[in-house]
Amino acid sequence: MILSDRTIREQLKAGRIIIEPFDESCVQPSSIDLHVDSAFRVFHNARHPYIDVKKRMDDLTELVEVDDGRPFMLHPGEFVLGSTLERVGLPDDLVARLEGKSSLGRLGLLIHSTAGYVDPGWDGYLTLELSNVANLPITIYPGMKIGQISFFKLTTPADTPYGSQDAGSKYQGQRGPTASKFFQEFDASEE
């Protein structure tokens, strides 16, 4: 069951859904618009011959901050990480989906490649996987609407919500565009 605007407002008022900062005008019929923050994580293709998913590669990306009303320029075929301006928190009986704004999709801007799902128990800022599939550069202005989040009710509360000790959560509480921690999936003894 997808939550309606009325139920979203009730859940926000009760403190079960957290969107901070919250702007009432961003509530849509069954979602809330979210905005992009001013930091982007840019990939450096010349530092490594390939991405090894088993290894920690801290210098694979570099954090770039955009300020003074200037846009971040996303070039055709480019992939960078961004972040929502809003902190999002969910109770253990709701999940969420983050989708791009259709008006931006019509320009060739994709906001996630696979990570549009937000687990029950999540609390933090959502990392955006920004791609430009258009033939021209696209400007991304910090603070602009970038996507919309909708909420779904689970049949029962999750036994092991995201962030719980047994969940193996890598990104709980993250702030800003957070690089992949997939290397943690591999046992250190395999290396």
N, C-alpha and C. Protein backbone atom coordinates (compact mmCIF):
# COMPACT_ATOMS: atom_id res chain seq x y z
N MET A 1 0.83 -1.16 0.00
CA MET A 1 0.00 0.00 0.00
C MET A 1 0.90 1.25 0.00
N ILE A 2 0.67 2.15 -0.94
CA ILE A 2 1.41 3.40 -1.04
C ILE A 2 0.71 4.45 -0.20
N LEU A 3 1.47 5.21 0.58
CA LEU A 3 0.87 6.23 1.43
C LEU A 3 0.44 7.44 0.62
N SER A 4 -0.73 7.96 0.94
CA SER A 4 -1.26 9.16 0.29
C SER A 4 -0.69 10.40 0.98
N ASP A 5 -0.94 11.56 0.39
CA ASP A 5 -0.48 12.82 0.97
C ASP A 5 -1.00 12.99 2.40
N ARG A 6 -2.25 12.64 2.63
CA ARG A 6 -2.83 12.77 3.97
C ARG A 6 -2.08 11.90 4.98
N THR A 7 -1.85 10.64 4.60
CA THR A 7 -1.16 9.72 5.50
C THR A 7 0.30 10.13 5.69
N ILE A 8 0.94 10.63 4.63
CA ILE A 8 2.32 11.12 4.76
C ILE A 8 2.38 12.24 5.79
N ARG A 9 1.45 13.18 5.70
CA ARG A 9 1.42 14.29 6.66
C ARG A 9 1.21 13.78 8.10
N GLU A 10 0.31 12.79 8.25
CA GLU A 10 0.06 12.21 9.58
C GLU A 10 1.33 11.55 10.13
N GLN A 11 2.03 10.81 9.27
CA GLN A 11 3.25 10.11 9.69
C GLN A 11 4.37 11.10 10.03
N LEU A 12 4.45 12.19 9.27
CA LEU A 12 5.43 13.24 9.58
C LEU A 12 5.11 13.90 10.92
N LYS A 13 3.84 14.23 11.14
CA LYS A 13 3.41 14.89 12.38
C LYS A 13 3.68 13.99 13.59
N ALA A 14 3.48 12.68 13.42
CA ALA A 14 3.71 11.73 14.51
C ALA A 14 5.20 11.43 14.71
N GLY A 15 6.04 11.92 13.82
CA GLY A 15 7.48 11.68 13.93
C GLY A 15 7.92 10.31 13.45
N ARG A 16 7.04 9.60 12.78
CA ARG A 16 7.39 8.26 12.27
C ARG A 16 8.20 8.37 10.98
N ILE A 17 7.87 9.32 10.11
CA ILE A 17 8.68 9.64 8.94
C ILE A 17 9.41 10.93 9.26
N ILE A 18 10.71 10.95 8.99
CA ILE A 18 11.51 12.15 9.21
C ILE A 18 11.99 12.68 7.86
N ILE A 19 11.70 13.92 7.58
CA ILE A 19 12.24 14.65 6.43
C ILE A 19 12.69 15.99 7.01
N GLU A 20 14.01 16.20 7.07
CA GLU A 20 14.56 17.44 7.65
C GLU A 20 15.62 18.02 6.73
N PRO A 21 15.50 19.25 6.31
CA PRO A 21 14.39 20.15 6.57
C PRO A 21 13.15 19.75 5.78
N PHE A 22 11.98 20.11 6.29
CA PHE A 22 10.72 19.76 5.65
C PHE A 22 10.04 21.02 5.14
N ASP A 23 9.53 20.95 3.92
CA ASP A 23 8.78 22.05 3.31
C ASP A 23 7.42 21.50 2.89
N GLU A 24 6.37 21.97 3.52
CA GLU A 24 5.01 21.50 3.25
C GLU A 24 4.66 21.56 1.77
N SER A 25 5.17 22.56 1.06
CA SER A 25 4.83 22.70 -0.36
C SER A 25 5.41 21.57 -1.21
N CYS A 26 6.30 20.76 -0.65
CA CYS A 26 6.91 19.66 -1.40
C CYS A 26 6.11 18.36 -1.32
N VAL A 27 5.02 18.36 -0.54
CA VAL A 27 4.18 17.16 -0.46
C VAL A 27 3.35 17.07 -1.74
N GLN A 28 3.47 15.95 -2.42
CA GLN A 28 2.73 15.66 -3.64
C GLN A 28 1.61 14.67 -3.30
N PRO A 29 0.76 14.27 -4.24
CA PRO A 29 -0.36 13.38 -3.91
C PRO A 29 0.05 12.06 -3.24
N SER A 30 1.24 11.52 -3.56
CA SER A 30 1.68 10.28 -2.93
C SER A 30 3.20 10.25 -2.75
N SER A 31 3.81 11.42 -2.59
CA SER A 31 5.27 11.48 -2.42
C SER A 31 5.65 12.84 -1.85
N ILE A 32 6.95 12.99 -1.57
CA ILE A 32 7.52 14.27 -1.15
C ILE A 32 8.70 14.57 -2.06
N ASP A 33 8.76 15.78 -2.59
CA ASP A 33 9.91 16.20 -3.40
C ASP A 33 11.12 16.39 -2.50
N LEU A 34 12.28 15.91 -2.98
CA LEU A 34 13.55 16.10 -2.27
C LEU A 34 14.48 16.94 -3.14
N HIS A 35 15.44 17.57 -2.51
CA HIS A 35 16.36 18.49 -3.17
C HIS A 35 17.79 17.96 -3.14
N VAL A 36 18.61 18.45 -4.05
CA VAL A 36 20.01 18.03 -4.12
C VAL A 36 20.87 18.98 -3.28
N ASP A 37 21.84 18.41 -2.58
CA ASP A 37 22.77 19.20 -1.78
C ASP A 37 23.87 19.77 -2.67
N SER A 38 24.85 20.43 -2.08
CA SER A 38 25.89 21.13 -2.85
C SER A 38 27.18 20.35 -3.04
N ALA A 39 27.27 19.13 -2.52
CA ALA A 39 28.49 18.33 -2.65
C ALA A 39 28.27 17.19 -3.66
N PHE A 40 29.31 16.94 -4.45
CA PHE A 40 29.28 15.87 -5.46
C PHE A 40 30.58 15.08 -5.37
N ARG A 41 30.49 13.79 -5.57
CA ARG A 41 31.67 12.93 -5.56
C ARG A 41 31.97 12.53 -7.00
N VAL A 42 33.10 13.04 -7.50
CA VAL A 42 33.49 12.87 -8.90
C VAL A 42 34.53 11.75 -9.01
N PHE A 43 34.39 10.91 -10.03
CA PHE A 43 35.32 9.80 -10.25
C PHE A 43 36.56 10.28 -10.99
N HIS A 44 37.71 9.74 -10.60
CA HIS A 44 38.97 10.02 -11.28
C HIS A 44 39.39 8.77 -12.05
N ASN A 45 39.18 8.80 -13.34
CA ASN A 45 39.41 7.62 -14.19
C ASN A 45 40.89 7.29 -14.39
N ALA A 46 41.79 8.23 -14.17
CA ALA A 46 43.21 7.99 -14.45
C ALA A 46 43.98 7.43 -13.26
N ARG A 47 43.36 7.32 -12.12
CA ARG A 47 44.08 6.87 -10.93
C ARG A 47 44.19 5.34 -10.82
N HIS A 48 43.26 4.64 -11.46
CA HIS A 48 43.26 3.17 -11.39
C HIS A 48 42.92 2.62 -12.78
N PRO A 49 43.48 1.47 -13.14
CA PRO A 49 43.15 0.90 -14.45
C PRO A 49 41.74 0.32 -14.50
N TYR A 50 41.17 0.00 -13.33
CA TYR A 50 39.81 -0.53 -13.25
C TYR A 50 39.33 -0.40 -11.81
N ILE A 51 38.03 -0.60 -11.61
CA ILE A 51 37.46 -0.59 -10.26
C ILE A 51 37.42 -2.04 -9.77
N ASP A 52 38.13 -2.31 -8.68
CA ASP A 52 38.14 -3.63 -8.08
C ASP A 52 37.16 -3.62 -6.91
N VAL A 53 36.03 -4.29 -7.06
CA VAL A 53 34.97 -4.25 -6.05
C VAL A 53 35.38 -4.88 -4.73
N LYS A 54 36.47 -5.66 -4.74
CA LYS A 54 36.94 -6.29 -3.51
C LYS A 54 37.83 -5.38 -2.68
N LYS A 55 38.28 -4.29 -3.26
CA LYS A 55 39.26 -3.44 -2.58
C LYS A 55 38.70 -2.08 -2.22
N ARG A 56 39.16 -1.59 -1.09
CA ARG A 56 38.85 -0.21 -0.70
C ARG A 56 39.67 0.71 -1.61
N MET A 57 39.00 1.65 -2.25
CA MET A 57 39.68 2.55 -3.20
C MET A 57 39.31 4.00 -2.86
N ASP A 58 39.87 4.47 -1.76
CA ASP A 58 39.51 5.79 -1.24
C ASP A 58 39.81 6.93 -2.20
N ASP A 59 40.80 6.78 -3.07
CA ASP A 59 41.15 7.86 -3.99
C ASP A 59 40.48 7.73 -5.35
N LEU A 60 39.51 6.84 -5.47
CA LEU A 60 38.78 6.67 -6.73
C LEU A 60 37.91 7.89 -7.02
N THR A 61 37.41 8.53 -5.95
CA THR A 61 36.55 9.70 -6.11
C THR A 61 37.10 10.86 -5.30
N GLU A 62 36.63 12.05 -5.66
CA GLU A 62 37.02 13.26 -4.94
C GLU A 62 35.76 14.10 -4.70
N LEU A 63 35.67 14.67 -3.51
CA LEU A 63 34.52 15.49 -3.16
C LEU A 63 34.68 16.89 -3.74
N VAL A 64 33.63 17.35 -4.45
CA VAL A 64 33.61 18.68 -5.04
C VAL A 64 32.41 19.42 -4.45
N GLU A 65 32.65 20.63 -3.95
CA GLU A 65 31.59 21.45 -3.36
C GLU A 65 31.27 22.59 -4.31
N VAL A 66 29.97 22.81 -4.57
CA VAL A 66 29.53 23.89 -5.44
C VAL A 66 28.87 24.95 -4.55
N ASP A 67 29.23 26.22 -4.77
CA ASP A 67 28.65 27.27 -3.93
C ASP A 67 28.38 28.52 -4.75
N ASP A 68 27.92 29.56 -4.06
CA ASP A 68 27.67 30.87 -4.68
C ASP A 68 26.67 30.81 -5.83
N GLY A 69 25.69 29.93 -5.75
CA GLY A 69 24.66 29.87 -6.78
C GLY A 69 25.11 29.29 -8.11
N ARG A 70 26.33 28.79 -8.15
CA ARG A 70 26.84 28.18 -9.39
C ARG A 70 26.31 26.75 -9.51
N PRO A 71 26.12 26.27 -10.74
CA PRO A 71 25.66 24.89 -10.91
C PRO A 71 26.84 23.92 -10.98
N PHE A 72 26.54 22.67 -10.72
CA PHE A 72 27.46 21.59 -11.03
C PHE A 72 27.14 21.18 -12.46
N MET A 73 28.13 21.02 -13.30
CA MET A 73 27.92 20.69 -14.71
C MET A 73 28.14 19.18 -14.89
N LEU A 74 27.09 18.46 -15.26
CA LEU A 74 27.17 17.02 -15.49
C LEU A 74 27.22 16.79 -17.00
N HIS A 75 28.34 16.27 -17.47
CA HIS A 75 28.57 16.11 -18.91
C HIS A 75 27.96 14.81 -19.44
N PRO A 76 27.70 14.74 -20.74
CA PRO A 76 27.12 13.52 -21.33
C PRO A 76 27.96 12.28 -20.99
N GLY A 77 27.28 11.23 -20.58
CA GLY A 77 27.95 9.98 -20.24
C GLY A 77 28.62 9.98 -18.88
N GLU A 78 28.59 11.09 -18.18
CA GLU A 78 29.26 11.20 -16.89
C GLU A 78 28.38 10.62 -15.78
N PHE A 79 29.06 10.07 -14.77
CA PHE A 79 28.40 9.51 -13.59
C PHE A 79 29.08 10.08 -12.36
N VAL A 80 28.30 10.68 -11.47
CA VAL A 80 28.82 11.22 -10.20
C VAL A 80 27.85 10.87 -9.09
N LEU A 81 28.32 10.99 -7.87
CA LEU A 81 27.45 10.79 -6.72
C LEU A 81 27.06 12.15 -6.15
N GLY A 82 25.82 12.27 -5.76
CA GLY A 82 25.31 13.46 -5.09
C GLY A 82 24.62 13.03 -3.82
N SER A 83 23.91 13.95 -3.20
CA SER A 83 23.21 13.64 -1.96
C SER A 83 21.96 14.50 -1.86
N THR A 84 20.99 13.97 -1.13
CA THR A 84 19.81 14.78 -0.85
C THR A 84 20.17 15.84 0.19
N LEU A 85 19.52 16.97 0.07
CA LEU A 85 19.65 18.04 1.06
C LEU A 85 18.95 17.62 2.36
N GLU A 86 17.94 16.79 2.23
CA GLU A 86 17.13 16.37 3.37
C GLU A 86 17.66 15.07 4.00
N ARG A 87 17.59 15.04 5.31
CA ARG A 87 17.78 13.79 6.05
C ARG A 87 16.46 13.05 6.02
N VAL A 88 16.51 11.74 5.78
CA VAL A 88 15.31 10.91 5.71
C VAL A 88 15.40 9.82 6.77
N GLY A 89 14.33 9.65 7.54
CA GLY A 89 14.26 8.59 8.54
C GLY A 89 12.96 7.83 8.40
N LEU A 90 13.05 6.50 8.52
CA LEU A 90 11.87 5.64 8.38
C LEU A 90 11.71 4.74 9.60
N PRO A 91 10.46 4.44 9.98
CA PRO A 91 10.23 3.46 11.05
C PRO A 91 10.43 2.05 10.50
N ASP A 92 10.28 1.06 11.36
CA ASP A 92 10.55 -0.33 10.97
C ASP A 92 9.42 -0.99 10.19
N ASP A 93 8.33 -0.25 9.91
CA ASP A 93 7.22 -0.84 9.15
C ASP A 93 6.92 -0.11 7.84
N LEU A 94 7.84 0.78 7.43
CA LEU A 94 7.70 1.47 6.15
C LEU A 94 8.97 1.34 5.33
N VAL A 95 8.83 1.21 4.01
CA VAL A 95 9.95 1.31 3.08
C VAL A 95 9.65 2.50 2.16
N ALA A 96 10.66 2.93 1.44
CA ALA A 96 10.46 4.07 0.55
C ALA A 96 11.15 3.81 -0.78
N ARG A 97 10.68 4.51 -1.81
CA ARG A 97 11.29 4.48 -3.14
C ARG A 97 11.64 5.92 -3.51
N LEU A 98 12.84 6.10 -3.99
CA LEU A 98 13.28 7.40 -4.48
C LEU A 98 13.30 7.33 -6.00
N GLU A 99 12.58 8.23 -6.62
CA GLU A 99 12.52 8.29 -8.08
C GLU A 99 12.88 9.70 -8.54
N GLY A 100 13.36 9.80 -9.77
CA GLY A 100 13.69 11.10 -10.34
C GLY A 100 12.44 11.88 -10.71
N LYS A 101 12.60 13.18 -10.83
CA LYS A 101 11.52 14.02 -11.31
C LYS A 101 11.39 13.79 -12.81
N SER A 102 10.16 13.60 -13.29
CA SER A 102 9.97 13.29 -14.71
C SER A 102 10.46 14.42 -15.61
N SER A 103 10.32 15.66 -15.15
CA SER A 103 10.79 16.80 -15.97
C SER A 103 12.30 16.74 -16.17
N LEU A 104 13.05 16.26 -15.16
CA LEU A 104 14.50 16.12 -15.31
C LEU A 104 14.84 14.89 -16.14
N GLY A 105 14.07 13.83 -15.98
CA GLY A 105 14.28 12.64 -16.81
C GLY A 105 14.10 12.94 -18.29
N ARG A 106 13.20 13.84 -18.61
CA ARG A 106 12.97 14.22 -20.01
C ARG A 106 14.13 15.02 -20.58
N LEU A 107 15.02 15.49 -19.70
CA LEU A 107 16.24 16.19 -20.13
C LEU A 107 17.44 15.24 -20.19
N GLY A 108 17.26 14.01 -19.70
CA GLY A 108 18.34 13.03 -19.73
C GLY A 108 19.05 12.84 -18.41
N LEU A 109 18.51 13.40 -17.31
CA LEU A 109 19.13 13.26 -16.00
C LEU A 109 18.51 12.10 -15.24
N LEU A 110 19.33 11.13 -14.88
CA LEU A 110 18.90 10.00 -14.06
C LEU A 110 19.49 10.19 -12.67
N ILE A 111 18.71 9.92 -11.61
CA ILE A 111 19.21 10.16 -10.26
C ILE A 111 19.62 8.89 -9.52
N HIS A 112 19.32 7.74 -10.06
CA HIS A 112 19.86 6.50 -9.49
C HIS A 112 19.92 5.42 -10.54
N SER A 113 20.97 4.60 -10.43
CA SER A 113 21.10 3.49 -11.36
C SER A 113 20.47 2.23 -10.77
N THR A 114 20.66 1.99 -9.48
CA THR A 114 20.05 0.82 -8.85
C THR A 114 19.55 1.08 -7.44
N ALA A 115 19.96 2.16 -6.82
CA ALA A 115 19.73 2.33 -5.38
C ALA A 115 18.56 3.25 -5.07
N GLY A 116 17.40 2.99 -5.62
CA GLY A 116 16.24 3.81 -5.34
C GLY A 116 15.42 3.31 -4.16
N TYR A 117 15.82 2.21 -3.57
CA TYR A 117 15.07 1.57 -2.50
C TYR A 117 15.63 2.01 -1.15
N VAL A 118 14.74 2.38 -0.21
CA VAL A 118 15.16 2.82 1.12
C VAL A 118 14.54 1.87 2.14
N ASP A 119 15.38 1.16 2.87
CA ASP A 119 14.94 0.13 3.81
C ASP A 119 14.23 0.68 5.04
N PRO A 120 13.36 -0.15 5.65
CA PRO A 120 12.78 0.24 6.93
C PRO A 120 13.91 0.40 7.96
N GLY A 121 13.80 1.42 8.79
CA GLY A 121 14.83 1.69 9.79
C GLY A 121 15.91 2.63 9.32
N TRP A 122 15.92 2.99 8.02
CA TRP A 122 16.94 3.89 7.48
C TRP A 122 16.89 5.24 8.18
N ASP A 123 18.06 5.83 8.40
CA ASP A 123 18.15 7.21 8.87
C ASP A 123 19.44 7.81 8.33
N GLY A 124 19.32 8.83 7.51
CA GLY A 124 20.49 9.50 6.94
C GLY A 124 20.11 10.26 5.69
N TYR A 125 21.12 10.76 5.02
CA TYR A 125 20.95 11.48 3.76
C TYR A 125 21.13 10.47 2.64
N LEU A 126 20.30 10.55 1.61
CA LEU A 126 20.33 9.57 0.53
C LEU A 126 21.38 9.96 -0.51
N THR A 127 22.22 9.00 -0.86
CA THR A 127 23.20 9.22 -1.93
C THR A 127 22.50 9.05 -3.26
N LEU A 128 22.74 9.99 -4.16
CA LEU A 128 22.17 9.97 -5.50
C LEU A 128 23.22 9.48 -6.48
N GLU A 129 22.83 8.65 -7.41
CA GLU A 129 23.71 8.15 -8.48
C GLU A 129 23.33 8.89 -9.75
N LEU A 130 23.96 10.01 -9.99
CA LEU A 130 23.56 10.92 -11.06
C LEU A 130 24.25 10.59 -12.38
N SER A 131 23.45 10.41 -13.43
CA SER A 131 23.96 10.11 -14.77
C SER A 131 23.31 11.04 -15.78
N ASN A 132 24.10 11.44 -16.75
CA ASN A 132 23.59 12.25 -17.86
C ASN A 132 23.57 11.37 -19.10
N VAL A 133 22.37 11.00 -19.57
CA VAL A 133 22.25 10.19 -20.78
C VAL A 133 21.86 11.05 -21.98
N ALA A 134 21.90 12.36 -21.82
CA ALA A 134 21.62 13.28 -22.93
C ALA A 134 22.91 13.54 -23.72
N ASN A 135 22.79 14.30 -24.80
CA ASN A 135 23.94 14.62 -25.64
C ASN A 135 24.58 15.96 -25.29
N LEU A 136 23.99 16.69 -24.34
CA LEU A 136 24.50 17.99 -23.92
C LEU A 136 24.72 17.98 -22.41
N PRO A 137 25.62 18.81 -21.89
CA PRO A 137 25.77 18.92 -20.44
C PRO A 137 24.47 19.39 -19.78
N ILE A 138 24.27 18.96 -18.53
CA ILE A 138 23.09 19.34 -17.75
C ILE A 138 23.57 20.06 -16.49
N THR A 139 22.95 21.20 -16.18
CA THR A 139 23.29 21.92 -14.95
C THR A 139 22.48 21.36 -13.79
N ILE A 140 23.15 21.20 -12.66
CA ILE A 140 22.50 20.79 -11.43
C ILE A 140 22.79 21.87 -10.39
N TYR A 141 21.73 22.58 -9.99
CA TYR A 141 21.88 23.67 -9.04
C TYR A 141 21.61 23.17 -7.63
N PRO A 142 22.55 23.37 -6.70
CA PRO A 142 22.29 22.97 -5.32
C PRO A 142 20.98 23.58 -4.82
N GLY A 143 20.19 22.75 -4.15
CA GLY A 143 18.90 23.17 -3.62
C GLY A 143 17.73 22.95 -4.54
N MET A 144 18.01 22.59 -5.81
CA MET A 144 16.89 22.36 -6.73
C MET A 144 16.23 21.01 -6.44
N LYS A 145 14.95 20.89 -6.79
CA LYS A 145 14.26 19.61 -6.65
C LYS A 145 14.96 18.60 -7.56
N ILE A 146 15.22 17.41 -7.02
CA ILE A 146 15.96 16.40 -7.78
C ILE A 146 15.19 15.09 -7.90
N GLY A 147 14.30 14.82 -6.94
CA GLY A 147 13.57 13.55 -6.96
C GLY A 147 12.37 13.61 -6.03
N GLN A 148 11.71 12.47 -5.94
CA GLN A 148 10.55 12.36 -5.06
C GLN A 148 10.59 11.02 -4.37
N ILE A 149 10.21 11.03 -3.11
CA ILE A 149 10.23 9.81 -2.30
C ILE A 149 8.80 9.43 -1.96
N SER A 150 8.47 8.16 -2.17
CA SER A 150 7.14 7.64 -1.81
C SER A 150 7.33 6.54 -0.77
N PHE A 151 6.28 6.23 -0.05
CA PHE A 151 6.36 5.35 1.12
C PHE A 151 5.37 4.20 0.99
N PHE A 152 5.81 3.01 1.43
CA PHE A 152 5.02 1.79 1.32
C PHE A 152 4.95 1.13 2.69
N LYS A 153 3.77 0.65 3.03
CA LYS A 153 3.56 -0.03 4.32
C LYS A 153 3.92 -1.51 4.19
N LEU A 154 4.69 -2.02 5.15
CA LEU A 154 5.01 -3.45 5.20
C LEU A 154 3.85 -4.22 5.84
N THR A 155 3.78 -5.51 5.58
CA THR A 155 2.73 -6.33 6.18
C THR A 155 2.91 -6.42 7.69
N THR A 156 4.16 -6.46 8.16
CA THR A 156 4.51 -6.42 9.58
C THR A 156 5.79 -5.61 9.71
N PRO A 157 6.10 -5.11 10.90
CA PRO A 157 7.39 -4.44 11.07
C PRO A 157 8.53 -5.41 10.75
N ALA A 158 9.61 -4.88 10.20
CA ALA A 158 10.77 -5.72 9.86
C ALA A 158 11.39 -6.27 11.15
N ASP A 159 11.76 -7.55 11.12
CA ASP A 159 12.44 -8.16 12.27
C ASP A 159 13.84 -7.58 12.45
N THR A 160 14.50 -7.27 11.33
CA THR A 160 15.86 -6.74 11.38
C THR A 160 15.91 -5.49 10.51
N PRO A 161 15.44 -4.35 11.02
CA PRO A 161 15.45 -3.13 10.20
C PRO A 161 16.88 -2.65 9.94
N TYR A 162 17.01 -1.84 8.92
CA TYR A 162 18.30 -1.26 8.56
C TYR A 162 18.84 -0.50 9.77
N GLY A 163 20.12 -0.66 10.02
CA GLY A 163 20.75 0.01 11.16
C GLY A 163 20.79 -0.83 12.41
N SER A 164 20.03 -1.94 12.44
CA SER A 164 20.09 -2.80 13.62
C SER A 164 21.41 -3.58 13.60
N GLN A 165 21.80 -4.08 14.75
CA GLN A 165 23.11 -4.72 14.90
C GLN A 165 23.30 -5.89 13.94
N ASP A 166 22.27 -6.65 13.66
CA ASP A 166 22.40 -7.85 12.82
C ASP A 166 22.20 -7.57 11.33
N ALA A 167 21.88 -6.34 10.96
CA ALA A 167 21.56 -6.05 9.56
C ALA A 167 22.78 -5.86 8.67
N GLY A 168 23.94 -5.61 9.25
CA GLY A 168 25.13 -5.37 8.42
C GLY A 168 25.03 -4.08 7.62
N SER A 169 24.39 -3.09 8.17
CA SER A 169 24.14 -1.82 7.48
C SER A 169 25.45 -1.02 7.34
N LYS A 170 25.78 -0.65 6.10
CA LYS A 170 27.03 0.07 5.83
C LYS A 170 26.85 1.58 5.80
N TYR A 171 25.64 2.06 5.58
CA TYR A 171 25.46 3.48 5.28
C TYR A 171 24.56 4.22 6.28
N GLN A 172 24.14 3.56 7.35
CA GLN A 172 23.25 4.21 8.31
C GLN A 172 23.90 5.48 8.84
N GLY A 173 23.14 6.58 8.84
CA GLY A 173 23.63 7.85 9.36
C GLY A 173 24.53 8.62 8.41
N GLN A 174 24.68 8.15 7.19
CA GLN A 174 25.59 8.83 6.25
C GLN A 174 25.13 10.26 5.98
N ARG A 175 26.11 11.11 5.68
CA ARG A 175 25.82 12.49 5.30
C ARG A 175 26.69 12.81 4.10
N GLY A 176 26.08 13.37 3.08
CA GLY A 176 26.81 13.71 1.86
C GLY A 176 26.92 12.51 0.94
N PRO A 177 27.43 12.75 -0.28
CA PRO A 177 27.56 11.64 -1.24
C PRO A 177 28.60 10.65 -0.73
N THR A 178 28.16 9.45 -0.46
CA THR A 178 29.01 8.43 0.17
C THR A 178 29.46 7.40 -0.85
N ALA A 179 30.76 7.21 -0.94
CA ALA A 179 31.34 6.24 -1.88
C ALA A 179 30.93 4.81 -1.50
N SER A 180 31.05 3.91 -2.45
CA SER A 180 30.69 2.51 -2.24
C SER A 180 31.53 1.87 -1.14
N LYS A 181 30.87 1.06 -0.34
CA LYS A 181 31.54 0.25 0.67
C LYS A 181 31.35 -1.24 0.36
N PHE A 182 31.16 -1.54 -0.91
CA PHE A 182 30.90 -2.93 -1.31
C PHE A 182 32.06 -3.85 -0.94
N PHE A 183 33.27 -3.31 -0.88
CA PHE A 183 34.44 -4.12 -0.52
C PHE A 183 34.25 -4.81 0.83
N GLN A 184 33.40 -4.26 1.69
CA GLN A 184 33.15 -4.86 3.00
C GLN A 184 32.42 -6.20 2.89
N GLU A 185 31.83 -6.48 1.73
CA GLU A 185 31.13 -7.75 1.51
C GLU A 185 32.11 -8.94 1.46
N PHE A 186 33.38 -8.65 1.18
CA PHE A 186 34.36 -9.70 1.03
C PHE A 186 35.14 -9.88 2.33
N ASP A 187 35.44 -11.10 2.64
CA ASP A 187 36.22 -11.42 3.81
C ASP A 187 37.67 -10.97 3.59
N ALA A 188 38.25 -10.30 4.56
CA ALA A 188 39.63 -9.80 4.44
C ALA A 188 40.61 -10.94 4.16
N SER A 189 40.29 -12.15 4.58
CA SER A 189 41.20 -13.28 4.35
C SER A 189 41.23 -13.72 2.90
N GLU A 190 40.27 -13.25 2.07
CA GLU A 190 40.25 -13.61 0.65
C GLU A 190 41.32 -12.86 -0.14
N GLU A 191 41.79 -11.73 0.41
CA GLU A 191 42.72 -10.88 -0.34
C GLU A 191 44.12 -11.42 -0.34
